[in-house]
Amino acid sequence: MELSYQTLKFTHQAREACEMRTEARRKNLLILISHYLTQEGYIDTANALEQETKLGLRRFEVCDNIDLETILMEYESYYFVKFQKYPKIVKKSSDTENNLPQRSRGKTRR
């Protein structure tokens, strides 16, 4: 019985740690996006992102050695070394008429 309880406890702790890492990753991504928008001069868009997320993104700074463009360049380099071709990051939308994002079916990710 004790072994089963310990297994459940460790499984629960591992799941919680994974969820916390996922939430931290999402928050870090929003901070990187906000920083990129500000650096590129999209101040109104960065302000709208901060208001919509309600996370206080301005309380955080991106570290000196990292930015969104660097992350993308490093990913492209990694992908090229591994697969001998560059990754396809974006593609043309099949619905070029409206260019509206598709609505998700089911639970929204947050």
PDB file of N, CA and C in Angstrom:
ATOM      1  N   MET A   1       0.827  -1.193   0.000  1.00  0.00           N
ATOM      2  CA  MET A   1       0.000   0.000   0.000  1.00  0.00           C
ATOM      3  C   MET A   1       0.868   1.252   0.000  1.00  0.00           C
ATOM      4  N   GLU A   2       1.934   1.227   0.803  1.00  0.00           N
ATOM      5  CA  GLU A   2       2.820   2.392   0.904  1.00  0.00           C
ATOM      6  C   GLU A   2       3.513   2.679  -0.430  1.00  0.00           C
ATOM      7  N   LEU A   3       3.927   1.635  -1.122  1.00  0.00           N
ATOM      8  CA  LEU A   3       4.588   1.815  -2.407  1.00  0.00           C
ATOM      9  C   LEU A   3       3.648   2.484  -3.401  1.00  0.00           C
ATOM     10  N   SER A   4       2.400   2.098  -3.385  1.00  0.00           N
ATOM     11  CA  SER A   4       1.417   2.684  -4.286  1.00  0.00           C
ATOM     12  C   SER A   4       1.207   4.164  -3.970  1.00  0.00           C
ATOM     13  N   TYR A   5       1.143   4.495  -2.687  1.00  0.00           N
ATOM     14  CA  TYR A   5       0.977   5.891  -2.286  1.00  0.00           C
ATOM     15  C   TYR A   5       2.182   6.718  -2.723  1.00  0.00           C
ATOM     16  N   GLN A   6       3.386   6.179  -2.516  1.00  0.00           N
ATOM     17  CA  GLN A   6       4.599   6.889  -2.920  1.00  0.00           C
ATOM     18  C   GLN A   6       4.627   7.097  -4.436  1.00  0.00           C
ATOM     19  N   THR A   7       4.215   6.085  -5.171  1.00  0.00           N
ATOM     20  CA  THR A   7       4.179   6.199  -6.625  1.00  0.00           C
ATOM     21  C   THR A   7       3.218   7.291  -7.053  1.00  0.00           C
ATOM     22  N   LEU A   8       2.028   7.308  -6.462  1.00  0.00           N
ATOM     23  CA  LEU A   8       1.050   8.349  -6.778  1.00  0.00           C
ATOM     24  C   LEU A   8       1.574   9.729  -6.408  1.00  0.00           C
ATOM     25  N   LYS A   9       2.224   9.825  -5.264  1.00  0.00           N
ATOM     26  CA  LYS A   9       2.756  11.104  -4.806  1.00  0.00           C
ATOM     27  C   LYS A   9       3.820  11.620  -5.772  1.00  0.00           C
ATOM     28  N   PHE A  10       4.756  10.764  -6.166  1.00  0.00           N
ATOM     29  CA  PHE A  10       5.813  11.177  -7.085  1.00  0.00           C
ATOM     30  C   PHE A  10       5.250  11.517  -8.461  1.00  0.00           C
ATOM     31  N   THR A  11       4.266  10.761  -8.906  1.00  0.00           N
ATOM     32  CA  THR A  11       3.635  11.041 -10.190  1.00  0.00           C
ATOM     33  C   THR A  11       2.961  12.400 -10.166  1.00  0.00           C
ATOM     34  N   HIS A  12       2.255  12.683  -9.079  1.00  0.00           N
ATOM     35  CA  HIS A  12       1.583  13.973  -8.936  1.00  0.00           C
ATOM     36  C   HIS A  12       2.597  15.113  -8.898  1.00  0.00           C
ATOM     37  N   GLN A  13       3.683  14.937  -8.163  1.00  0.00           N
ATOM     38  CA  GLN A  13       4.713  15.973  -8.081  1.00  0.00           C
ATOM     39  C   GLN A  13       5.372  16.199  -9.442  1.00  0.00           C
ATOM     40  N   ALA A  14       5.605  15.136 -10.175  1.00  0.00           N
ATOM     41  CA  ALA A  14       6.207  15.265 -11.503  1.00  0.00           C
ATOM     42  C   ALA A  14       5.269  15.998 -12.450  1.00  0.00           C
ATOM     43  N   ARG A  15       3.977  15.687 -12.361  1.00  0.00           N
ATOM     44  CA  ARG A  15       2.990  16.354 -13.202  1.00  0.00           C
ATOM     45  C   ARG A  15       2.913  17.843 -12.867  1.00  0.00           C
ATOM     46  N   GLU A  16       2.913  18.170 -11.571  1.00  0.00           N
ATOM     47  CA  GLU A  16       2.882  19.572 -11.154  1.00  0.00           C
ATOM     48  C   GLU A  16       4.121  20.319 -11.629  1.00  0.00           C
ATOM     49  N   ALA A  17       5.280  19.694 -11.526  1.00  0.00           N
ATOM     50  CA  ALA A  17       6.520  20.329 -11.977  1.00  0.00           C
ATOM     51  C   ALA A  17       6.483  20.575 -13.483  1.00  0.00           C
ATOM     52  N   CYS A  18       5.947  19.627 -14.223  1.00  0.00           N
ATOM     53  CA  CYS A  18       5.827  19.776 -15.670  1.00  0.00           C
ATOM     54  C   CYS A  18       4.877  20.917 -16.018  1.00  0.00           C
ATOM     55  N   GLU A  19       3.754  21.005 -15.313  1.00  0.00           N
ATOM     56  CA  GLU A  19       2.799  22.085 -15.547  1.00  0.00           C
ATOM     57  C   GLU A  19       3.399  23.442 -15.203  1.00  0.00           C
ATOM     58  N   MET A  20       4.184  23.503 -14.143  1.00  0.00           N
ATOM     59  CA  MET A  20       4.828  24.760 -13.767  1.00  0.00           C
ATOM     60  C   MET A  20       5.851  25.183 -14.820  1.00  0.00           C
ATOM     61  N   ARG A  21       6.613  24.225 -15.360  1.00  0.00           N
ATOM     62  CA  ARG A  21       7.570  24.545 -16.419  1.00  0.00           C
ATOM     63  C   ARG A  21       6.850  25.039 -17.667  1.00  0.00           C
ATOM     64  N   THR A  22       5.707  24.423 -17.983  1.00  0.00           N
ATOM     65  CA  THR A  22       4.937  24.837 -19.150  1.00  0.00           C
ATOM     66  C   THR A  22       4.418  26.259 -18.975  1.00  0.00           C
ATOM     67  N   GLU A  23       3.879  26.568 -17.805  1.00  0.00           N
ATOM     68  CA  GLU A  23       3.391  27.925 -17.541  1.00  0.00           C
ATOM     69  C   GLU A  23       4.525  28.940 -17.594  1.00  0.00           C
ATOM     70  N   ALA A  24       5.673  28.596 -17.034  1.00  0.00           N
ATOM     71  CA  ALA A  24       6.826  29.498 -17.066  1.00  0.00           C
ATOM     72  C   ALA A  24       7.290  29.713 -18.505  1.00  0.00           C
ATOM     73  N   ARG A  25       7.277  28.655 -19.308  1.00  0.00           N
ATOM     74  CA  ARG A  25       7.665  28.768 -20.711  1.00  0.00           C
ATOM     75  C   ARG A  25       6.723  29.700 -21.457  1.00  0.00           C
ATOM     76  N   ARG A  26       5.434  29.577 -21.217  1.00  0.00           N
ATOM     77  CA  ARG A  26       4.462  30.449 -21.886  1.00  0.00           C
ATOM     78  C   ARG A  26       4.644  31.904 -21.468  1.00  0.00           C
ATOM     79  N   LYS A  27       4.876  32.121 -20.192  1.00  0.00           N
ATOM     80  CA  LYS A  27       5.092  33.487 -19.710  1.00  0.00           C
ATOM     81  C   LYS A  27       6.374  34.062 -20.305  1.00  0.00           C
ATOM     82  N   ASN A  28       7.435  33.265 -20.337  1.00  0.00           N
ATOM     83  CA  ASN A  28       8.685  33.721 -20.933  1.00  0.00           C
ATOM     84  C   ASN A  28       8.510  34.058 -22.407  1.00  0.00           C
ATOM     85  N   LEU A  29       7.721  33.266 -23.102  1.00  0.00           N
ATOM     86  CA  LEU A  29       7.464  33.537 -24.512  1.00  0.00           C
ATOM     87  C   LEU A  29       6.732  34.859 -24.689  1.00  0.00           C
ATOM     88  N   LEU A  30       5.737  35.118 -23.846  1.00  0.00           N
ATOM     89  CA  LEU A  30       5.024  36.391 -23.917  1.00  0.00           C
ATOM     90  C   LEU A  30       5.956  37.564 -23.629  1.00  0.00           C
ATOM     91  N   ILE A  31       6.871  37.393 -22.684  1.00  0.00           N
ATOM     92  CA  ILE A  31       7.829  38.453 -22.368  1.00  0.00           C
ATOM     93  C   ILE A  31       8.757  38.683 -23.558  1.00  0.00           C
ATOM     94  N   LEU A  32       9.224  37.613 -24.183  1.00  0.00           N
ATOM     95  CA  LEU A  32      10.070  37.748 -25.371  1.00  0.00           C
ATOM     96  C   LEU A  32       9.332  38.451 -26.510  1.00  0.00           C
ATOM     97  N   ILE A  33       8.074  38.094 -26.716  1.00  0.00           N
ATOM     98  CA  ILE A  33       7.274  38.713 -27.774  1.00  0.00           C
ATOM     99  C   ILE A  33       7.081  40.192 -27.479  1.00  0.00           C
ATOM    100  N   SER A  34       6.746  40.518 -26.247  1.00  0.00           N
ATOM    101  CA  SER A  34       6.557  41.917 -25.863  1.00  0.00           C
ATOM    102  C   SER A  34       7.841  42.716 -26.086  1.00  0.00           C
ATOM    103  N   HIS A  35       8.962  42.148 -25.691  1.00  0.00           N
ATOM    104  CA  HIS A  35      10.252  42.818 -25.888  1.00  0.00           C
ATOM    105  C   HIS A  35      10.532  43.019 -27.375  1.00  0.00           C
ATOM    106  N   TYR A  36      10.281  41.996 -28.183  1.00  0.00           N
ATOM    107  CA  TYR A  36      10.511  42.095 -29.622  1.00  0.00           C
ATOM    108  C   TYR A  36       9.629  43.180 -30.238  1.00  0.00           C
ATOM    109  N   LEU A  37       8.358  43.204 -29.863  1.00  0.00           N
ATOM    110  CA  LEU A  37       7.454  44.226 -30.393  1.00  0.00           C
ATOM    111  C   LEU A  37       7.934  45.624 -30.031  1.00  0.00           C
ATOM    112  N   THR A  38       8.374  45.800 -28.797  1.00  0.00           N
ATOM    113  CA  THR A  38       8.862  47.103 -28.357  1.00  0.00           C
ATOM    114  C   THR A  38      10.121  47.497 -29.125  1.00  0.00           C
ATOM    115  N   GLN A  39      11.049  46.563 -29.286  1.00  0.00           N
ATOM    116  CA  GLN A  39      12.293  46.851 -29.996  1.00  0.00           C
ATOM    117  C   GLN A  39      12.052  47.197 -31.463  1.00  0.00           C
ATOM    118  N   GLU A  40      11.027  46.610 -32.059  1.00  0.00           N
ATOM    119  CA  GLU A  40      10.722  46.864 -33.463  1.00  0.00           C
ATOM    120  C   GLU A  40       9.809  48.071 -33.655  1.00  0.00           C
ATOM    121  N   GLY A  41       9.400  48.713 -32.568  1.00  0.00           N
ATOM    122  CA  GLY A  41       8.608  49.935 -32.669  1.00  0.00           C
ATOM    123  C   GLY A  41       7.106  49.734 -32.630  1.00  0.00           C
ATOM    124  N   TYR A  42       6.646  48.551 -32.323  1.00  0.00           N
ATOM    125  CA  TYR A  42       5.211  48.275 -32.232  1.00  0.00           C
ATOM    126  C   TYR A  42       4.748  48.501 -30.794  1.00  0.00           C
ATOM    127  N   ILE A  43       4.852  49.728 -30.339  1.00  0.00           N
ATOM    128  CA  ILE A  43       4.578  50.068 -28.947  1.00  0.00           C
ATOM    129  C   ILE A  43       3.110  49.835 -28.598  1.00  0.00           C
ATOM    130  N   ASP A  44       2.204  50.271 -29.474  1.00  0.00           N
ATOM    131  CA  ASP A  44       0.769  50.085 -29.203  1.00  0.00           C
ATOM    132  C   ASP A  44       0.415  48.602 -29.116  1.00  0.00           C
ATOM    133  N   THR A  45       1.008  47.810 -29.985  1.00  0.00           N
ATOM    134  CA  THR A  45       0.751  46.372 -29.966  1.00  0.00           C
ATOM    135  C   THR A  45       1.297  45.739 -28.694  1.00  0.00           C
ATOM    136  N   ALA A  46       2.485  46.173 -28.271  1.00  0.00           N
ATOM    137  CA  ALA A  46       3.065  45.659 -27.024  1.00  0.00           C
ATOM    138  C   ALA A  46       2.192  46.044 -25.833  1.00  0.00           C
ATOM    139  N   ASN A  47       1.666  47.277 -25.841  1.00  0.00           N
ATOM    140  CA  ASN A  47       0.764  47.705 -24.766  1.00  0.00           C
ATOM    141  C   ASN A  47      -0.518  46.880 -24.768  1.00  0.00           C
ATOM    142  N   ALA A  48      -1.058  46.614 -25.957  1.00  0.00           N
ATOM    143  CA  ALA A  48      -2.274  45.802 -26.054  1.00  0.00           C
ATOM    144  C   ALA A  48      -2.016  44.382 -25.553  1.00  0.00           C
ATOM    145  N   LEU A  49      -0.849  43.834 -25.869  1.00  0.00           N
ATOM    146  CA  LEU A  49      -0.496  42.490 -25.390  1.00  0.00           C
ATOM    147  C   LEU A  49      -0.435  42.467 -23.872  1.00  0.00           C
ATOM    148  N   GLU A  50       0.174  43.483 -23.288  1.00  0.00           N
ATOM    149  CA  GLU A  50       0.277  43.524 -21.828  1.00  0.00           C
ATOM    150  C   GLU A  50      -1.099  43.661 -21.180  1.00  0.00           C
ATOM    151  N   GLN A  51      -1.958  44.493 -21.749  1.00  0.00           N
ATOM    152  CA  GLN A  51      -3.301  44.657 -21.185  1.00  0.00           C
ATOM    153  C   GLN A  51      -4.115  43.378 -21.320  1.00  0.00           C
ATOM    154  N   GLU A  52      -3.980  42.712 -22.442  1.00  0.00           N
ATOM    155  CA  GLU A  52      -4.774  41.504 -22.671  1.00  0.00           C
ATOM    156  C   GLU A  52      -4.317  40.342 -21.792  1.00  0.00           C
ATOM    157  N   THR A  53      -3.017  40.218 -21.577  1.00  0.00           N
ATOM    158  CA  THR A  53      -2.526  39.101 -20.771  1.00  0.00           C
ATOM    159  C   THR A  53      -2.698  39.331 -19.279  1.00  0.00           C
ATOM    160  N   LYS A  54      -2.676  40.580 -18.847  1.00  0.00           N
ATOM    161  CA  LYS A  54      -2.810  40.938 -17.423  1.00  0.00           C
ATOM    162  C   LYS A  54      -1.746  40.248 -16.568  1.00  0.00           C
ATOM    163  N   LEU A  55      -0.551  40.097 -17.132  1.00  0.00           N
ATOM    164  CA  LEU A  55       0.531  39.444 -16.402  1.00  0.00           C
ATOM    165  C   LEU A  55       1.595  40.420 -15.919  1.00  0.00           C
ATOM    166  N   GLY A  56       1.440  41.694 -16.244  1.00  0.00           N
ATOM    167  CA  GLY A  56       2.455  42.664 -15.851  1.00  0.00           C
ATOM    168  C   GLY A  56       3.784  42.375 -16.526  1.00  0.00           C
ATOM    169  N   LEU A  57       3.765  42.264 -17.840  1.00  0.00           N
ATOM    170  CA  LEU A  57       4.962  41.886 -18.588  1.00  0.00           C
ATOM    171  C   LEU A  57       6.085  42.905 -18.441  1.00  0.00           C
ATOM    172  N   ARG A  58       5.744  44.142 -18.156  1.00  0.00           N
ATOM    173  CA  ARG A  58       6.769  45.190 -18.032  1.00  0.00           C
ATOM    174  C   ARG A  58       7.589  45.051 -16.753  1.00  0.00           C
ATOM    175  N   ARG A  59       7.132  44.226 -15.838  1.00  0.00           N
ATOM    176  CA  ARG A  59       7.907  43.999 -14.613  1.00  0.00           C
ATOM    177  C   ARG A  59       9.146  43.164 -14.882  1.00  0.00           C
ATOM    178  N   PHE A  60       9.206  42.542 -16.061  1.00  0.00           N
ATOM    179  CA  PHE A  60      10.304  41.644 -16.397  1.00  0.00           C
ATOM    180  C   PHE A  60      11.120  42.216 -17.549  1.00  0.00           C
ATOM    181  N   GLU A  61      12.386  41.860 -17.577  1.00  0.00           N
ATOM    182  CA  GLU A  61      13.297  42.241 -18.645  1.00  0.00           C
ATOM    183  C   GLU A  61      13.855  40.989 -19.282  1.00  0.00           C
ATOM    184  N   VAL A  62      14.113  41.080 -20.569  1.00  0.00           N
ATOM    185  CA  VAL A  62      14.773  39.979 -21.258  1.00  0.00           C
ATOM    186  C   VAL A  62      16.265  40.093 -20.968  1.00  0.00           C
ATOM    187  N   CYS A  63      16.912  38.983 -20.704  1.00  0.00           N
ATOM    188  CA  CYS A  63      18.353  38.989 -20.413  1.00  0.00           C
ATOM    189  C   CYS A  63      19.137  39.502 -21.622  1.00  0.00           C
ATOM    190  N   ASP A  64      20.325  39.999 -21.355  1.00  0.00           N
ATOM    191  CA  ASP A  64      21.140  40.626 -22.395  1.00  0.00           C
ATOM    192  C   ASP A  64      21.517  39.683 -23.527  1.00  0.00           C
ATOM    193  N   ASN A  65      21.693  38.431 -23.233  1.00  0.00           N
ATOM    194  CA  ASN A  65      22.216  37.510 -24.240  1.00  0.00           C
ATOM    195  C   ASN A  65      21.130  36.761 -25.012  1.00  0.00           C
ATOM    196  N   ILE A  66      19.885  37.197 -24.923  1.00  0.00           N
ATOM    197  CA  ILE A  66      18.804  36.447 -25.567  1.00  0.00           C
ATOM    198  C   ILE A  66      17.786  37.408 -26.162  1.00  0.00           C
ATOM    199  N   ASP A  67      17.247  37.036 -27.292  1.00  0.00           N
ATOM    200  CA  ASP A  67      16.101  37.720 -27.880  1.00  0.00           C
ATOM    201  C   ASP A  67      15.430  36.749 -28.854  1.00  0.00           C
ATOM    202  N   LEU A  68      14.257  37.119 -29.304  1.00  0.00           N
ATOM    203  CA  LEU A  68      13.459  36.220 -30.136  1.00  0.00           C
ATOM    204  C   LEU A  68      14.166  35.898 -31.452  1.00  0.00           C
ATOM    205  N   GLU A  69      14.807  36.892 -32.045  1.00  0.00           N
ATOM    206  CA  GLU A  69      15.499  36.675 -33.312  1.00  0.00           C
ATOM    207  C   GLU A  69      16.668  35.698 -33.148  1.00  0.00           C
ATOM    208  N   THR A  70      17.398  35.817 -32.052  1.00  0.00           N
ATOM    209  CA  THR A  70      18.508  34.903 -31.783  1.00  0.00           C
ATOM    210  C   THR A  70      18.008  33.475 -31.595  1.00  0.00           C
ATOM    211  N   ILE A  71      16.904  33.331 -30.884  1.00  0.00           N
ATOM    212  CA  ILE A  71      16.332  31.998 -30.669  1.00  0.00           C
ATOM    213  C   ILE A  71      15.952  31.364 -32.001  1.00  0.00           C
ATOM    214  N   LEU A  72      15.325  32.142 -32.877  1.00  0.00           N
ATOM    215  CA  LEU A  72      14.931  31.628 -34.187  1.00  0.00           C
ATOM    216  C   LEU A  72      16.161  31.254 -35.014  1.00  0.00           C
ATOM    217  N   MET A  73      17.182  32.100 -35.001  1.00  0.00           N
ATOM    218  CA  MET A  73      18.403  31.802 -35.759  1.00  0.00           C
ATOM    219  C   MET A  73      19.075  30.531 -35.239  1.00  0.00           C
ATOM    220  N   GLU A  74      19.137  30.371 -33.930  1.00  0.00           N
ATOM    221  CA  GLU A  74      19.757  29.176 -33.363  1.00  0.00           C
ATOM    222  C   GLU A  74      18.951  27.922 -33.680  1.00  0.00           C
ATOM    223  N   TYR A  75      17.622  28.041 -33.679  1.00  0.00           N
ATOM    224  CA  TYR A  75      16.794  26.890 -34.039  1.00  0.00           C
ATOM    225  C   TYR A  75      17.022  26.509 -35.499  1.00  0.00           C
ATOM    226  N   GLU A  76      17.079  27.518 -36.383  1.00  0.00           N
ATOM    227  CA  GLU A  76      17.326  27.234 -37.794  1.00  0.00           C
ATOM    228  C   GLU A  76      18.680  26.549 -37.987  1.00  0.00           C
ATOM    229  N   SER A  77      19.692  27.003 -37.270  1.00  0.00           N
ATOM    230  CA  SER A  77      21.020  26.378 -37.362  1.00  0.00           C
ATOM    231  C   SER A  77      20.976  24.934 -36.874  1.00  0.00           C
ATOM    232  N   TYR A  78      20.344  24.716 -35.731  1.00  0.00           N
ATOM    233  CA  TYR A  78      20.212  23.364 -35.183  1.00  0.00           C
ATOM    234  C   TYR A  78      19.495  22.453 -36.175  1.00  0.00           C
ATOM    235  N   TYR A  79      18.387  22.927 -36.739  1.00  0.00           N
ATOM    236  CA  TYR A  79      17.593  22.132 -37.663  1.00  0.00           C
ATOM    237  C   TYR A  79      18.406  21.803 -38.915  1.00  0.00           C
ATOM    238  N   PHE A  80      19.155  22.806 -39.412  1.00  0.00           N
ATOM    239  CA  PHE A  80      19.959  22.581 -40.608  1.00  0.00           C
ATOM    240  C   PHE A  80      21.045  21.537 -40.353  1.00  0.00           C
ATOM    241  N   VAL A  81      21.708  21.615 -39.207  1.00  0.00           N
ATOM    242  CA  VAL A  81      22.750  20.643 -38.871  1.00  0.00           C
ATOM    243  C   VAL A  81      22.154  19.244 -38.751  1.00  0.00           C
ATOM    244  N   LYS A  82      20.980  19.154 -38.169  1.00  0.00           N
ATOM    245  CA  LYS A  82      20.375  17.840 -37.935  1.00  0.00           C
ATOM    246  C   LYS A  82      19.774  17.232 -39.203  1.00  0.00           C
ATOM    247  N   PHE A  83      19.089  18.054 -40.029  1.00  0.00           N
ATOM    248  CA  PHE A  83      18.342  17.519 -41.172  1.00  0.00           C
ATOM    249  C   PHE A  83      18.875  17.963 -42.537  1.00  0.00           C
ATOM    250  N   GLN A  84      19.940  18.773 -42.569  1.00  0.00           N
ATOM    251  CA  GLN A  84      20.523  19.295 -43.808  1.00  0.00           C
ATOM    252  C   GLN A  84      19.523  20.093 -44.645  1.00  0.00           C
ATOM    253  N   LYS A  85      18.588  20.724 -44.011  1.00  0.00           N
ATOM    254  CA  LYS A  85      17.667  21.655 -44.670  1.00  0.00           C
ATOM    255  C   LYS A  85      17.140  22.610 -43.606  1.00  0.00           C
ATOM    256  N   TYR A  86      16.668  23.751 -44.065  1.00  0.00           N
ATOM    257  CA  TYR A  86      16.143  24.737 -43.125  1.00  0.00           C
ATOM    258  C   TYR A  86      14.691  24.413 -42.779  1.00  0.00           C
ATOM    259  N   PRO A  87      14.265  24.733 -41.565  1.00  0.00           N
ATOM    260  CA  PRO A  87      12.884  24.416 -41.170  1.00  0.00           C
ATOM    261  C   PRO A  87      11.890  25.323 -41.877  1.00  0.00           C
ATOM    262  N   LYS A  88      10.727  24.793 -42.095  1.00  0.00           N
ATOM    263  CA  LYS A  88       9.635  25.592 -42.649  1.00  0.00           C
ATOM    264  C   LYS A  88       8.857  26.134 -41.452  1.00  0.00           C
ATOM    265  N   ILE A  89       8.986  27.419 -41.193  1.00  0.00           N
ATOM    266  CA  ILE A  89       8.392  28.042 -40.017  1.00  0.00           C
ATOM    267  C   ILE A  89       6.963  28.500 -40.296  1.00  0.00           C
ATOM    268  N   VAL A  90       6.744  29.088 -41.468  1.00  0.00           N
ATOM    269  CA  VAL A  90       5.409  29.588 -41.819  1.00  0.00           C
ATOM    270  C   VAL A  90       5.014  29.036 -43.182  1.00  0.00           C
ATOM    271  N   LYS A  91       3.725  29.053 -43.440  1.00  0.00           N
ATOM    272  CA  LYS A  91       3.227  28.660 -44.751  1.00  0.00           C
ATOM    273  C   LYS A  91       2.029  29.525 -45.090  1.00  0.00           C
ATOM    274  N   LYS A  92       1.706  29.562 -46.357  1.00  0.00           N
ATOM    275  CA  LYS A  92       0.559  30.349 -46.792  1.00  0.00           C
ATOM    276  C   LYS A  92      -0.715  29.745 -46.246  1.00  0.00           C
ATOM    277  N   SER A  93      -1.612  30.614 -45.874  1.00  0.00           N
ATOM    278  CA  SER A  93      -2.897  30.172 -45.363  1.00  0.00           C
ATOM    279  C   SER A  93      -3.746  29.663 -46.513  1.00  0.00           C
ATOM    280  N   SER A  94      -4.513  28.621 -46.261  1.00  0.00           N
ATOM    281  CA  SER A  94      -5.385  28.095 -47.309  1.00  0.00           C
ATOM    282  C   SER A  94      -6.548  29.032 -47.561  1.00  0.00           C
ATOM    283  N   ASP A  95      -6.924  29.820 -46.552  1.00  0.00           N
ATOM    284  CA  ASP A  95      -8.016  30.783 -46.690  1.00  0.00           C
ATOM    285  C   ASP A  95      -7.407  32.173 -46.843  1.00  0.00           C
ATOM    286  N   THR A  96      -6.957  32.497 -48.058  1.00  0.00           N
ATOM    287  CA  THR A  96      -6.323  33.792 -48.288  1.00  0.00           C
ATOM    288  C   THR A  96      -7.338  34.917 -48.368  1.00  0.00           C
ATOM    289  N   GLU A  97      -8.616  34.575 -48.479  1.00  0.00           N
ATOM    290  CA  GLU A  97      -9.660  35.587 -48.619  1.00  0.00           C
ATOM    291  C   GLU A  97      -9.883  36.352 -47.322  1.00  0.00           C
ATOM    292  N   ASN A  98     -10.006  35.643 -46.205  1.00  0.00           N
ATOM    293  CA  ASN A  98     -10.344  36.294 -44.941  1.00  0.00           C
ATOM    294  C   ASN A  98      -9.147  36.500 -44.026  1.00  0.00           C
ATOM    295  N   ASN A  99      -8.178  35.602 -44.073  1.00  0.00           N
ATOM    296  CA  ASN A  99      -7.018  35.642 -43.180  1.00  0.00           C
ATOM    297  C   ASN A  99      -7.410  35.712 -41.714  1.00  0.00           C
ATOM    298  N   LEU A 100      -8.496  35.086 -41.360  1.00  0.00           N
ATOM    299  CA  LEU A 100      -8.912  35.023 -39.967  1.00  0.00           C
ATOM    300  C   LEU A 100      -8.341  33.765 -39.339  1.00  0.00           C
ATOM    301  N   PRO A 101      -7.894  33.855 -38.092  1.00  0.00           N
ATOM    302  CA  PRO A 101      -7.388  32.639 -37.453  1.00  0.00           C
ATOM    303  C   PRO A 101      -8.509  31.637 -37.254  1.00  0.00           C
ATOM    304  N   GLN A 102      -8.160  30.367 -37.411  1.00  0.00           N
ATOM    305  CA  GLN A 102      -9.169  29.337 -37.206  1.00  0.00           C
ATOM    306  C   GLN A 102      -9.515  29.254 -35.737  1.00  0.00           C
ATOM    307  N   ARG A 103     -10.774  29.044 -35.468  1.00  0.00           N
ATOM    308  CA  ARG A 103     -11.205  28.901 -34.083  1.00  0.00           C
ATOM    309  C   ARG A 103     -10.850  27.513 -33.597  1.00  0.00           C
ATOM    310  N   SER A 104     -10.390  27.469 -32.368  1.00  0.00           N
ATOM    311  CA  SER A 104     -10.025  26.171 -31.812  1.00  0.00           C
ATOM    312  C   SER A 104     -11.285  25.427 -31.418  1.00  0.00           C
ATOM    313  N   ARG A 105     -11.227  24.160 -31.602  1.00  0.00           N
ATOM    314  CA  ARG A 105     -12.350  23.319 -31.197  1.00  0.00           C
ATOM    315  C   ARG A 105     -11.955  22.643 -29.905  1.00  0.00           C
ATOM    316  N   GLY A 106     -12.672  22.959 -28.858  1.00  0.00           N
ATOM    317  CA  GLY A 106     -12.356  22.352 -27.576  1.00  0.00           C
ATOM    318  C   GLY A 106     -11.772  23.353 -26.613  1.00  0.00           C
ATOM    319  N   LYS A 107     -11.017  22.831 -25.690  1.00  0.00           N
ATOM    320  CA  LYS A 107     -10.461  23.638 -24.606  1.00  0.00           C
ATOM    321  C   LYS A 107      -9.373  24.579 -25.126  1.00  0.00           C
ATOM    322  N   THR A 108      -9.430  25.833 -24.710  1.00  0.00           N
ATOM    323  CA  THR A 108      -8.390  26.771 -25.087  1.00  0.00           C
ATOM    324  C   THR A 108      -7.201  26.595 -24.166  1.00  0.00           C
ATOM    325  N   ARG A 109      -6.011  26.804 -24.709  1.00  0.00           N
ATOM    326  CA  ARG A 109      -4.785  26.627 -23.924  1.00  0.00           C
ATOM    327  C   ARG A 109      -4.427  27.936 -23.254  1.00  0.00           C
ATOM    328  N   ARG A 110      -4.227  27.913 -21.976  1.00  0.00           N
ATOM    329  CA  ARG A 110      -3.792  29.089 -21.203  1.00  0.00           C
ATOM    330  C   ARG A 110      -2.973  28.635 -20.059  1.00  0.00           C
TER     331      ARG A 110
END
